[in-house]
Amino acid sequence: MGKLSVVAIAVLVLACSLPLIIASNPFDIYKLSQKFGKKQGIFDYYKLALEWPKSVCNTGSSEECETPIKDYFTIRTLQPYYRPDKRVPPYNESRCNSIPPSPAERITADYLSKYEILDDMVKYWPNQYGYSNIEKNLEFWRLQWSSAGMCSPYPVYPDFYFNVALTYVKAIDLLKILKDSGIEPNGKKYEAFLFARAIEEALGMKVQIRCNKDANNVTQFYEAFMCIDRVNLPESCSKTKYYGCSEAEKIQFPSP
């Protein structure tokens, strides 16, 4: 399987005002990104943060995660950024859209069910502290909409924003990519650069790695950032970066 073929389906077919883009060959994705990704817009690119749930739940936080802890990568956020690497502030601070966005209260179980994404949201974008509680999930999703989604190209349509992240997390099996490179969530330590290298070799684009510390102050792999342009095509991040750890540092990959 060629590089980027696992994300070829991330060329979204959404009922929105964006142009319909279809890549006949996965290797054409970058060409399409260069052609269409230069349009004027309210932001430059997204960072999709895929988190390892165990690394969320073992930090000694006063709030306990629901069990069983998920044993696959889930979405933390889909955050708009300005180049080279500046987070777009929330709408209520930046007025990043000229069109008033839908209020967060619009995001209800009925709304998400209407657009057939409620089940996927529960599975792939859960509130780790209560994923079986729909109200806890809705609180988390509304926060994501207020802090990031309102600055997306879909300020009136939260389902469009959510679908961008859902399409990618379903297309990319991050855990399999790491396992195929010999990186297992078994409590062992691996150099941080190995995580980035495994993902970059599988996807053919630069990514970023974030670490945190568990309750015993052990540095661990927390999440991976992937970059996506304004028309939802994958692109390399500006450069490989490491947050919370150094490139050569050995970091733990905790078992779920």
C-alpha atoms as a PDB file:
ATOM      1  CA  MET A   1       0.000   0.000   0.000  1.00  0.00           C
ATOM      2  CA  GLY A   2       1.508   3.321  -1.047  1.00  0.00           C
ATOM      3  CA  LYS A   3       2.075   6.280   1.189  1.00  0.00           C
ATOM      4  CA  LEU A   4      -1.046   8.352   1.806  1.00  0.00           C
ATOM      5  CA  SER A   5      -3.304   5.613   0.501  1.00  0.00           C
ATOM      6  CA  VAL A   6      -4.685   5.170   3.995  1.00  0.00           C
ATOM      7  CA  VAL A   7      -5.855   8.769   3.959  1.00  0.00           C
ATOM      8  CA  ALA A   8      -7.113   8.904   0.405  1.00  0.00           C
ATOM      9  CA  ILE A   9     -10.692   8.643   1.629  1.00  0.00           C
ATOM     10  CA  ALA A  10     -10.094  11.753   3.706  1.00  0.00           C
ATOM     11  CA  VAL A  11     -10.967  13.761   0.610  1.00  0.00           C
ATOM     12  CA  LEU A  12     -14.379  14.505   2.030  1.00  0.00           C
ATOM     13  CA  VAL A  13     -17.581  14.406   0.065  1.00  0.00           C
ATOM     14  CA  LEU A  14     -19.651  16.791   2.180  1.00  0.00           C
ATOM     15  CA  ALA A  15     -22.725  18.766   1.252  1.00  0.00           C
ATOM     16  CA  CYS A  16     -21.057  22.106   1.720  1.00  0.00           C
ATOM     17  CA  SER A  17     -19.877  25.111  -0.237  1.00  0.00           C
ATOM     18  CA  LEU A  18     -16.344  23.768  -0.694  1.00  0.00           C
ATOM     19  CA  PRO A  19     -15.392  22.447  -4.136  1.00  0.00           C
ATOM     20  CA  LEU A  20     -15.777  18.718  -4.653  1.00  0.00           C
ATOM     21  CA  ILE A  21     -12.266  17.297  -4.904  1.00  0.00           C
ATOM     22  CA  ILE A  22     -11.603  13.709  -5.900  1.00  0.00           C
ATOM     23  CA  ALA A  23      -8.095  12.286  -6.114  1.00  0.00           C
ATOM     24  CA  SER A  24      -7.804   9.605  -8.795  1.00  0.00           C
ATOM     25  CA  ASN A  25      -4.518   8.572  -7.241  1.00  0.00           C
ATOM     26  CA  PRO A  26      -3.548   9.029  -3.573  1.00  0.00           C
ATOM     27  CA  PHE A  27      -0.234  10.520  -4.644  1.00  0.00           C
ATOM     28  CA  ASP A  28      -2.158  13.370  -6.299  1.00  0.00           C
ATOM     29  CA  ILE A  29      -3.326  14.600  -2.894  1.00  0.00           C
ATOM     30  CA  TYR A  30      -0.399  16.946  -2.370  1.00  0.00           C
ATOM     31  CA  LYS A  31      -0.845  18.408  -5.854  1.00  0.00           C
ATOM     32  CA  LEU A  32      -4.493  19.062  -5.121  1.00  0.00           C
ATOM     33  CA  SER A  33      -3.601  20.538  -1.762  1.00  0.00           C
ATOM     34  CA  GLN A  34      -1.179  22.952  -3.425  1.00  0.00           C
ATOM     35  CA  LYS A  35      -3.760  23.902  -6.023  1.00  0.00           C
ATOM     36  CA  PHE A  36      -6.740  24.463  -3.757  1.00  0.00           C
ATOM     37  CA  GLY A  37      -5.139  25.044  -0.376  1.00  0.00           C
ATOM     38  CA  LYS A  38      -3.921  28.555  -1.142  1.00  0.00           C
ATOM     39  CA  LYS A  39      -7.292  30.252  -1.191  1.00  0.00           C
ATOM     40  CA  GLN A  40      -7.915  33.122   1.161  1.00  0.00           C
ATOM     41  CA  GLY A  41      -9.503  31.955   4.358  1.00  0.00           C
ATOM     42  CA  ILE A  42     -10.036  32.499   8.016  1.00  0.00           C
ATOM     43  CA  PHE A  43      -7.208  30.169   9.019  1.00  0.00           C
ATOM     44  CA  ASP A  44      -4.373  28.300   7.336  1.00  0.00           C
ATOM     45  CA  TYR A  45      -4.669  24.691   8.454  1.00  0.00           C
ATOM     46  CA  TYR A  46      -5.976  22.373  11.139  1.00  0.00           C
ATOM     47  CA  LYS A  47      -4.135  20.282  13.662  1.00  0.00           C
ATOM     48  CA  LEU A  48      -5.962  17.059  14.386  1.00  0.00           C
ATOM     49  CA  ALA A  49      -4.989  15.774  17.833  1.00  0.00           C
ATOM     50  CA  LEU A  50      -5.383  12.021  18.317  1.00  0.00           C
ATOM     51  CA  GLU A  51      -4.847  11.066  21.950  1.00  0.00           C
ATOM     52  CA  TRP A  52      -3.986   7.798  23.651  1.00  0.00           C
ATOM     53  CA  PRO A  53      -6.714   7.441  26.314  1.00  0.00           C
ATOM     54  CA  LYS A  54      -4.536   5.735  28.920  1.00  0.00           C
ATOM     55  CA  SER A  55      -2.217   8.753  28.879  1.00  0.00           C
ATOM     56  CA  VAL A  56      -5.214  10.949  29.633  1.00  0.00           C
ATOM     57  CA  CYS A  57      -6.390   8.762  32.482  1.00  0.00           C
ATOM     58  CA  ASN A  58      -3.232   7.857  34.420  1.00  0.00           C
ATOM     59  CA  THR A  59      -2.070  11.359  35.322  1.00  0.00           C
ATOM     60  CA  GLY A  60      -3.520  11.371  38.834  1.00  0.00           C
ATOM     61  CA  SER A  61      -6.234  13.847  37.984  1.00  0.00           C
ATOM     62  CA  SER A  62      -8.938  14.330  40.579  1.00  0.00           C
ATOM     63  CA  GLU A  63     -11.500  13.363  37.943  1.00  0.00           C
ATOM     64  CA  GLU A  64     -11.422   9.673  37.130  1.00  0.00           C
ATOM     65  CA  CYS A  65     -11.893   8.302  33.632  1.00  0.00           C
ATOM     66  CA  GLU A  66     -14.699   5.940  32.877  1.00  0.00           C
ATOM     67  CA  THR A  67     -13.668   2.310  32.596  1.00  0.00           C
ATOM     68  CA  PRO A  68     -12.845   0.332  30.626  1.00  0.00           C
ATOM     69  CA  ILE A  69     -10.382   2.843  29.224  1.00  0.00           C
ATOM     70  CA  LYS A  70     -10.503   2.965  25.425  1.00  0.00           C
ATOM     71  CA  ASP A  71      -7.824   0.847  23.761  1.00  0.00           C
ATOM     72  CA  TYR A  72      -7.644   2.852  20.533  1.00  0.00           C
ATOM     73  CA  PHE A  73      -6.765   6.425  19.636  1.00  0.00           C
ATOM     74  CA  THR A  74      -9.543   8.980  19.947  1.00  0.00           C
ATOM     75  CA  ILE A  75      -9.968  12.614  18.934  1.00  0.00           C
ATOM     76  CA  ARG A  76      -9.118  15.354  21.400  1.00  0.00           C
ATOM     77  CA  THR A  77      -9.611  18.313  19.101  1.00  0.00           C
ATOM     78  CA  LEU A  78      -9.509  19.626  15.546  1.00  0.00           C
ATOM     79  CA  GLN A  79      -7.936  23.035  16.027  1.00  0.00           C
ATOM     80  CA  PRO A  80      -7.520  25.749  13.372  1.00  0.00           C
ATOM     81  CA  TYR A  81      -4.030  27.303  13.145  1.00  0.00           C
ATOM     82  CA  TYR A  82      -2.305  30.219  11.460  1.00  0.00           C
ATOM     83  CA  ARG A  83       1.086  29.650   9.877  1.00  0.00           C
ATOM     84  CA  PRO A  84       3.672  28.885  10.889  1.00  0.00           C
ATOM     85  CA  ASP A  85       2.311  27.449  14.151  1.00  0.00           C
ATOM     86  CA  LYS A  86      -0.092  29.792  15.911  1.00  0.00           C
ATOM     87  CA  ARG A  87      -3.368  28.566  17.349  1.00  0.00           C
ATOM     88  CA  VAL A  88      -6.454  30.492  16.246  1.00  0.00           C
ATOM     89  CA  PRO A  89      -8.121  31.944  19.375  1.00  0.00           C
ATOM     90  CA  PRO A  90     -11.756  31.038  20.073  1.00  0.00           C
ATOM     91  CA  TYR A  91     -14.436  32.956  18.229  1.00  0.00           C
ATOM     92  CA  ASN A  92     -15.472  34.971  21.286  1.00  0.00           C
ATOM     93  CA  GLU A  93     -11.903  36.329  21.479  1.00  0.00           C
ATOM     94  CA  SER A  94     -10.907  36.636  17.834  1.00  0.00           C
ATOM     95  CA  ARG A  95     -14.169  37.009  15.895  1.00  0.00           C
ATOM     96  CA  CYS A  96     -12.474  34.663  13.427  1.00  0.00           C
ATOM     97  CA  ASN A  97     -15.567  34.341  11.240  1.00  0.00           C
ATOM     98  CA  SER A  98     -17.602  37.065   9.602  1.00  0.00           C
ATOM     99  CA  ILE A  99     -20.694  34.853   9.794  1.00  0.00           C
ATOM    100  CA  PRO A 100     -22.085  34.430  13.321  1.00  0.00           C
ATOM    101  CA  PRO A 101     -21.620  30.748  14.215  1.00  0.00           C
ATOM    102  CA  SER A 102     -24.272  28.422  15.503  1.00  0.00           C
ATOM    103  CA  PRO A 103     -24.437  28.476  19.282  1.00  0.00           C
ATOM    104  CA  ALA A 104     -22.989  25.493  21.096  1.00  0.00           C
ATOM    105  CA  GLU A 105     -26.447  24.701  22.415  1.00  0.00           C
ATOM    106  CA  ARG A 106     -27.405  23.588  18.912  1.00  0.00           C
ATOM    107  CA  ILE A 107     -25.261  20.502  19.423  1.00  0.00           C
ATOM    108  CA  THR A 108     -27.696  17.997  20.871  1.00  0.00           C
ATOM    109  CA  ALA A 109     -28.089  14.253  20.576  1.00  0.00           C
ATOM    110  CA  ASP A 110     -31.020  14.821  18.220  1.00  0.00           C
ATOM    111  CA  TYR A 111     -28.953  17.144  16.015  1.00  0.00           C
ATOM    112  CA  LEU A 112     -26.065  14.680  15.747  1.00  0.00           C
ATOM    113  CA  SER A 113     -28.450  11.781  15.162  1.00  0.00           C
ATOM    114  CA  LYS A 114     -30.171  13.712  12.385  1.00  0.00           C
ATOM    115  CA  TYR A 115     -26.866  13.927  10.521  1.00  0.00           C
ATOM    116  CA  GLU A 116     -25.986  10.316  11.395  1.00  0.00           C
ATOM    117  CA  ILE A 117     -22.798  11.031  13.314  1.00  0.00           C
ATOM    118  CA  LEU A 118     -23.865  10.526  16.951  1.00  0.00           C
ATOM    119  CA  ASP A 119     -22.572   6.938  17.174  1.00  0.00           C
ATOM    120  CA  ASP A 120     -19.252   7.901  15.590  1.00  0.00           C
ATOM    121  CA  MET A 121     -18.901  10.868  17.941  1.00  0.00           C
ATOM    122  CA  VAL A 122     -19.443   8.629  20.974  1.00  0.00           C
ATOM    123  CA  LYS A 123     -16.910   6.102  19.683  1.00  0.00           C
ATOM    124  CA  TYR A 124     -14.178   8.320  18.253  1.00  0.00           C
ATOM    125  CA  TRP A 125     -14.573  11.647  20.104  1.00  0.00           C
ATOM    126  CA  PRO A 126     -15.557  10.570  23.614  1.00  0.00           C
ATOM    127  CA  ASN A 127     -15.349  12.395  26.891  1.00  0.00           C
ATOM    128  CA  GLN A 128     -12.907  10.076  28.642  1.00  0.00           C
ATOM    129  CA  TYR A 129     -14.425  11.014  31.988  1.00  0.00           C
ATOM    130  CA  GLY A 130     -17.865   9.699  31.128  1.00  0.00           C
ATOM    131  CA  TYR A 131     -18.181   8.399  27.592  1.00  0.00           C
ATOM    132  CA  SER A 132     -21.353   6.427  28.294  1.00  0.00           C
ATOM    133  CA  ASN A 133     -23.071   9.578  29.601  1.00  0.00           C
ATOM    134  CA  ILE A 134     -24.486  11.512  26.662  1.00  0.00           C
ATOM    135  CA  GLU A 135     -24.656  14.746  28.643  1.00  0.00           C
ATOM    136  CA  LYS A 136     -20.954  14.556  29.505  1.00  0.00           C
ATOM    137  CA  ASN A 137     -20.155  13.916  25.851  1.00  0.00           C
ATOM    138  CA  LEU A 138     -22.315  16.814  24.717  1.00  0.00           C
ATOM    139  CA  GLU A 139     -20.580  19.108  27.194  1.00  0.00           C
ATOM    140  CA  PHE A 140     -17.204  18.080  25.725  1.00  0.00           C
ATOM    141  CA  TRP A 141     -18.340  18.479  22.109  1.00  0.00           C
ATOM    142  CA  ARG A 142     -19.876  21.883  22.771  1.00  0.00           C
ATOM    143  CA  LEU A 143     -16.590  22.988  24.297  1.00  0.00           C
ATOM    144  CA  GLN A 144     -14.739  21.822  21.174  1.00  0.00           C
ATOM    145  CA  TRP A 145     -17.181  23.706  18.985  1.00  0.00           C
ATOM    146  CA  SER A 146     -16.824  26.905  21.033  1.00  0.00           C
ATOM    147  CA  SER A 147     -13.039  26.765  21.248  1.00  0.00           C
ATOM    148  CA  ALA A 148     -12.251  25.534  17.718  1.00  0.00           C
ATOM    149  CA  GLY A 149     -15.198  24.695  15.475  1.00  0.00           C
ATOM    150  CA  MET A 150     -16.626  28.199  15.373  1.00  0.00           C
ATOM    151  CA  CYS A 151     -13.430  29.272  13.575  1.00  0.00           C
ATOM    152  CA  SER A 152     -13.746  26.561  10.932  1.00  0.00           C
ATOM    153  CA  PRO A 153     -15.173  27.199   7.436  1.00  0.00           C
ATOM    154  CA  TYR A 154     -18.480  25.753   8.683  1.00  0.00           C
ATOM    155  CA  PRO A 155     -19.602  28.169  11.400  1.00  0.00           C
ATOM    156  CA  VAL A 156     -23.274  27.410  10.849  1.00  0.00           C
ATOM    157  CA  TYR A 157     -22.869  23.646  10.481  1.00  0.00           C
ATOM    158  CA  PRO A 158     -21.231  21.874  13.433  1.00  0.00           C
ATOM    159  CA  ASP A 159     -21.768  18.493  11.783  1.00  0.00           C
ATOM    160  CA  PHE A 160     -19.478  19.491   8.885  1.00  0.00           C
ATOM    161  CA  TYR A 161     -16.703  20.411  11.318  1.00  0.00           C
ATOM    162  CA  PHE A 162     -17.067  17.189  13.301  1.00  0.00           C
ATOM    163  CA  ASN A 163     -17.097  15.120  10.108  1.00  0.00           C
ATOM    164  CA  VAL A 164     -13.642  16.351   9.079  1.00  0.00           C
ATOM    165  CA  ALA A 165     -12.063  14.826  12.193  1.00  0.00           C
ATOM    166  CA  LEU A 166     -14.248  11.710  12.096  1.00  0.00           C
ATOM    167  CA  THR A 167     -13.243  10.946   8.529  1.00  0.00           C
ATOM    168  CA  TYR A 168      -9.549  11.057   9.397  1.00  0.00           C
ATOM    169  CA  VAL A 169      -9.713   9.054  12.611  1.00  0.00           C
ATOM    170  CA  LYS A 170     -11.643   6.324  10.804  1.00  0.00           C
ATOM    171  CA  ALA A 171      -9.213   6.324   7.880  1.00  0.00           C
ATOM    172  CA  ILE A 172      -5.997   6.179   9.909  1.00  0.00           C
ATOM    173  CA  ASP A 173      -5.410   3.283  12.302  1.00  0.00           C
ATOM    174  CA  LEU A 174      -2.702   4.966  14.327  1.00  0.00           C
ATOM    175  CA  LEU A 175      -2.310   2.075  16.737  1.00  0.00           C
ATOM    176  CA  LYS A 176      -1.725  -0.385  13.896  1.00  0.00           C
ATOM    177  CA  ILE A 177       0.821   1.965  12.325  1.00  0.00           C
ATOM    178  CA  LEU A 178       2.795   2.038  15.576  1.00  0.00           C
ATOM    179  CA  LYS A 179       2.486  -1.720  16.174  1.00  0.00           C
ATOM    180  CA  ASP A 180       3.672  -2.446  12.645  1.00  0.00           C
ATOM    181  CA  SER A 181       6.824  -0.523  13.544  1.00  0.00           C
ATOM    182  CA  GLY A 182       7.338  -2.516  16.737  1.00  0.00           C
ATOM    183  CA  ILE A 183       5.962   0.157  19.084  1.00  0.00           C
ATOM    184  CA  GLU A 184       3.479  -1.525  21.413  1.00  0.00           C
ATOM    185  CA  PRO A 185       1.358  -0.051  24.243  1.00  0.00           C
ATOM    186  CA  ASN A 186       2.916  -2.394  26.781  1.00  0.00           C
ATOM    187  CA  GLY A 187       4.453  -0.024  29.300  1.00  0.00           C
ATOM    188  CA  LYS A 188       7.876  -0.125  27.664  1.00  0.00           C
ATOM    189  CA  LYS A 189       9.852   2.958  26.709  1.00  0.00           C
ATOM    190  CA  TYR A 190      10.777   4.013  23.188  1.00  0.00           C
ATOM    191  CA  GLU A 191      12.645   7.043  21.876  1.00  0.00           C
ATOM    192  CA  ALA A 192      10.152   9.766  21.030  1.00  0.00           C
ATOM    193  CA  PHE A 193      11.422  10.090  17.478  1.00  0.00           C
ATOM    194  CA  LEU A 194      10.387   6.481  16.794  1.00  0.00           C
ATOM    195  CA  PHE A 195       6.722   7.428  17.192  1.00  0.00           C
ATOM    196  CA  ALA A 196       7.070  10.286  14.717  1.00  0.00           C
ATOM    197  CA  ARG A 197       9.112   8.242  12.274  1.00  0.00           C
ATOM    198  CA  ALA A 198       6.623   5.356  12.233  1.00  0.00           C
ATOM    199  CA  ILE A 199       3.681   7.654  11.524  1.00  0.00           C
ATOM    200  CA  GLU A 200       5.549   9.764   8.975  1.00  0.00           C
ATOM    201  CA  GLU A 201       6.756   6.731   7.039  1.00  0.00           C
ATOM    202  CA  ALA A 202       3.215   5.313   6.925  1.00  0.00           C
ATOM    203  CA  LEU A 203       1.516   8.559   5.903  1.00  0.00           C
ATOM    204  CA  GLY A 204       4.294  10.252   3.960  1.00  0.00           C
ATOM    205  CA  MET A 205       3.963  13.559   5.787  1.00  0.00           C
ATOM    206  CA  LYS A 206       5.433  15.292   8.823  1.00  0.00           C
ATOM    207  CA  VAL A 207       3.577  14.993  12.132  1.00  0.00           C
ATOM    208  CA  GLN A 208       4.094  16.232  15.679  1.00  0.00           C
ATOM    209  CA  ILE A 209       4.284  14.353  18.979  1.00  0.00           C
ATOM    210  CA  ARG A 210       3.131  15.452  22.410  1.00  0.00           C
ATOM    211  CA  CYS A 211       4.110  13.874  25.715  1.00  0.00           C
ATOM    212  CA  ASN A 212       2.777  14.264  29.240  1.00  0.00           C
ATOM    213  CA  LYS A 213       3.565  12.725  32.632  1.00  0.00           C
ATOM    214  CA  ASP A 214       1.717  10.021  34.509  1.00  0.00           C
ATOM    215  CA  ALA A 215       0.954  10.108  38.238  1.00  0.00           C
ATOM    216  CA  ASN A 216       4.476   8.813  38.949  1.00  0.00           C
ATOM    217  CA  ASN A 217       6.073  11.639  36.924  1.00  0.00           C
ATOM    218  CA  VAL A 218       7.040   9.264  34.107  1.00  0.00           C
ATOM    219  CA  THR A 219       7.126  10.919  30.683  1.00  0.00           C
ATOM    220  CA  GLN A 220       4.816   9.136  28.269  1.00  0.00           C
ATOM    221  CA  PHE A 221       3.411   9.324  24.761  1.00  0.00           C
ATOM    222  CA  TYR A 222       0.196  11.316  24.882  1.00  0.00           C
ATOM    223  CA  GLU A 223      -0.917  12.302  21.399  1.00  0.00           C
ATOM    224  CA  ALA A 224      -0.008  12.820  17.770  1.00  0.00           C
ATOM    225  CA  PHE A 225      -0.834  15.913  15.715  1.00  0.00           C
ATOM    226  CA  MET A 226      -1.607  15.634  12.008  1.00  0.00           C
ATOM    227  CA  CYS A 227      -2.077  18.653   9.778  1.00  0.00           C
ATOM    228  CA  ILE A 228      -4.976  19.160   7.369  1.00  0.00           C
ATOM    229  CA  ASP A 229      -5.444  22.057   4.978  1.00  0.00           C
ATOM    230  CA  ARG A 230      -8.500  24.282   4.625  1.00  0.00           C
ATOM    231  CA  VAL A 231     -10.192  22.034   2.094  1.00  0.00           C
ATOM    232  CA  ASN A 232      -9.689  18.979   4.304  1.00  0.00           C
ATOM    233  CA  LEU A 233      -6.737  17.461   2.464  1.00  0.00           C
ATOM    234  CA  PRO A 234      -3.781  16.085   4.437  1.00  0.00           C
ATOM    235  CA  GLU A 235      -0.584  18.084   4.447  1.00  0.00           C
ATOM    236  CA  SER A 236       2.772  17.910   6.191  1.00  0.00           C
ATOM    237  CA  CYS A 237       3.053  19.918   9.368  1.00  0.00           C
ATOM    238  CA  SER A 238       5.651  22.689   9.084  1.00  0.00           C
ATOM    239  CA  LYS A 239       8.208  20.401  10.713  1.00  0.00           C
ATOM    240  CA  THR A 240       8.389  17.459  13.056  1.00  0.00           C
ATOM    241  CA  LYS A 241       8.035  18.766  16.607  1.00  0.00           C
ATOM    242  CA  TYR A 242       7.996  17.318  20.089  1.00  0.00           C
ATOM    243  CA  TYR A 243       6.039  18.874  22.931  1.00  0.00           C
ATOM    244  CA  GLY A 244       6.708  17.856  26.525  1.00  0.00           C
ATOM    245  CA  CYS A 245       9.660  15.647  25.593  1.00  0.00           C
ATOM    246  CA  SER A 246      12.782  15.732  23.483  1.00  0.00           C
ATOM    247  CA  GLU A 247      13.328  13.882  20.227  1.00  0.00           C
ATOM    248  CA  ALA A 248      15.767  11.355  21.706  1.00  0.00           C
ATOM    249  CA  GLU A 249      14.033  10.986  25.081  1.00  0.00           C
ATOM    250  CA  LYS A 250      12.705   7.566  25.977  1.00  0.00           C
ATOM    251  CA  ILE A 251       9.002   7.795  26.641  1.00  0.00           C
ATOM    252  CA  GLN A 252       6.579   5.222  27.930  1.00  0.00           C
ATOM    253  CA  PHE A 253       3.708   3.857  25.875  1.00  0.00           C
ATOM    254  CA  PRO A 254       1.298   2.808  28.638  1.00  0.00           C
ATOM    255  CA  SER A 255      -0.883  -0.249  28.266  1.00  0.00           C
ATOM    256  CA  PRO A 256      -4.629   0.436  28.131  1.00  0.00           C
END
